[in-house]
């Protein structure tokens, strides 16, 4: 699968959304939780995994 190119604005928005998800009680956000877990077929990323993802996206 090829990686989509992101604009700087798109990347900044994704990083902001990840940090918001990280610092809120993500179980309280039902619609977003469904997306993050693919309808509960997998676990959502935990805070350490979000940190690692943000680092990778910033690289």
C-alpha atoms as a PDB file:
ATOM      1  CA  UNK A   1       0.000   0.000   0.000  1.00  0.00           C
ATOM      2  CA  UNK A   2       1.417   3.389  -0.912  1.00  0.00           C
ATOM      3  CA  UNK A   3       1.594   6.116   1.693  1.00  0.00           C
ATOM      4  CA  UNK A   4      -0.571   9.147   0.937  1.00  0.00           C
ATOM      5  CA  UNK A   5       1.200  12.468   0.817  1.00  0.00           C
ATOM      6  CA  UNK A   6      -0.020  14.879   3.463  1.00  0.00           C
ATOM      7  CA  UNK A   7       0.132  18.638   3.345  1.00  0.00           C
ATOM      8  CA  UNK A   8       1.630  20.440   6.328  1.00  0.00           C
ATOM      9  CA  UNK A   9      -1.883  21.551   7.387  1.00  0.00           C
ATOM     10  CA  UNK A  10      -3.229  17.996   7.145  1.00  0.00           C
ATOM     11  CA  UNK A  11      -0.342  16.651   9.202  1.00  0.00           C
ATOM     12  CA  UNK A  12      -0.787  19.375  11.837  1.00  0.00           C
ATOM     13  CA  UNK A  13      -4.490  18.553  12.100  1.00  0.00           C
ATOM     14  CA  UNK A  14      -3.814  14.835  12.455  1.00  0.00           C
ATOM     15  CA  UNK A  15      -1.221  15.479  15.169  1.00  0.00           C
ATOM     16  CA  UNK A  16      -3.607  17.808  17.020  1.00  0.00           C
ATOM     17  CA  UNK A  17      -6.386  15.218  16.818  1.00  0.00           C
ATOM     18  CA  UNK A  18      -4.083  12.492  18.130  1.00  0.00           C
ATOM     19  CA  UNK A  19      -3.000  14.650  21.068  1.00  0.00           C
ATOM     20  CA  UNK A  20      -6.638  15.557  21.844  1.00  0.00           C
ATOM     21  CA  UNK A  21      -7.613  11.871  21.724  1.00  0.00           C
ATOM     22  CA  UNK A  22      -4.658  11.086  23.980  1.00  0.00           C
ATOM     23  CA  UNK A  23      -5.585  13.559  26.711  1.00  0.00           C
ATOM     24  CA  UNK A  24      -9.354  12.987  26.812  1.00  0.00           C
ATOM     25  CA  UNK A  25     -11.322  10.020  28.003  1.00  0.00           C
ATOM     26  CA  UNK A  26     -11.618   8.437  24.564  1.00  0.00           C
ATOM     27  CA  UNK A  27     -14.395   6.103  25.721  1.00  0.00           C
ATOM     28  CA  UNK A  28     -16.623   9.169  26.064  1.00  0.00           C
ATOM     29  CA  UNK A  29     -16.367   9.855  22.329  1.00  0.00           C
ATOM     30  CA  UNK A  30     -18.487   7.080  20.876  1.00  0.00           C
ATOM     31  CA  UNK A  31     -18.231   7.971  17.169  1.00  0.00           C
ATOM     32  CA  UNK A  32     -14.468   8.456  17.339  1.00  0.00           C
ATOM     33  CA  UNK A  33     -14.036   5.275  19.359  1.00  0.00           C
ATOM     34  CA  UNK A  34     -15.838   3.304  16.639  1.00  0.00           C
ATOM     35  CA  UNK A  35     -13.386   4.714  14.076  1.00  0.00           C
ATOM     36  CA  UNK A  36     -10.317   4.146  16.271  1.00  0.00           C
ATOM     37  CA  UNK A  37     -11.272   0.515  16.900  1.00  0.00           C
ATOM     38  CA  UNK A  38     -12.717  -0.278  13.455  1.00  0.00           C
ATOM     39  CA  UNK A  39     -16.081  -1.115  15.037  1.00  0.00           C
ATOM     40  CA  UNK A  40     -14.345  -2.781  17.984  1.00  0.00           C
ATOM     41  CA  UNK A  41     -12.413  -5.261  15.850  1.00  0.00           C
ATOM     42  CA  UNK A  42      -9.136  -4.021  17.374  1.00  0.00           C
ATOM     43  CA  UNK A  43      -7.925  -2.023  20.355  1.00  0.00           C
ATOM     44  CA  UNK A  44      -7.455   1.728  20.089  1.00  0.00           C
ATOM     45  CA  UNK A  45      -3.893   2.975  20.466  1.00  0.00           C
ATOM     46  CA  UNK A  46      -2.841   3.653  24.037  1.00  0.00           C
ATOM     47  CA  UNK A  47      -1.030   6.848  25.055  1.00  0.00           C
ATOM     48  CA  UNK A  48       2.446   5.372  24.540  1.00  0.00           C
ATOM     49  CA  UNK A  49       1.488   4.165  21.076  1.00  0.00           C
ATOM     50  CA  UNK A  50       0.074   7.612  20.235  1.00  0.00           C
ATOM     51  CA  UNK A  51       3.351   9.194  21.370  1.00  0.00           C
ATOM     52  CA  UNK A  52       5.283   6.829  19.108  1.00  0.00           C
ATOM     53  CA  UNK A  53       2.973   7.530  16.171  1.00  0.00           C
ATOM     54  CA  UNK A  54       3.288  11.292  16.626  1.00  0.00           C
ATOM     55  CA  UNK A  55       7.074  10.911  16.686  1.00  0.00           C
ATOM     56  CA  UNK A  56       6.962   8.886  13.449  1.00  0.00           C
ATOM     57  CA  UNK A  57       4.697  11.434  11.771  1.00  0.00           C
ATOM     58  CA  UNK A  58       6.997  14.265  12.818  1.00  0.00           C
ATOM     59  CA  UNK A  59      10.081  12.530  11.418  1.00  0.00           C
END
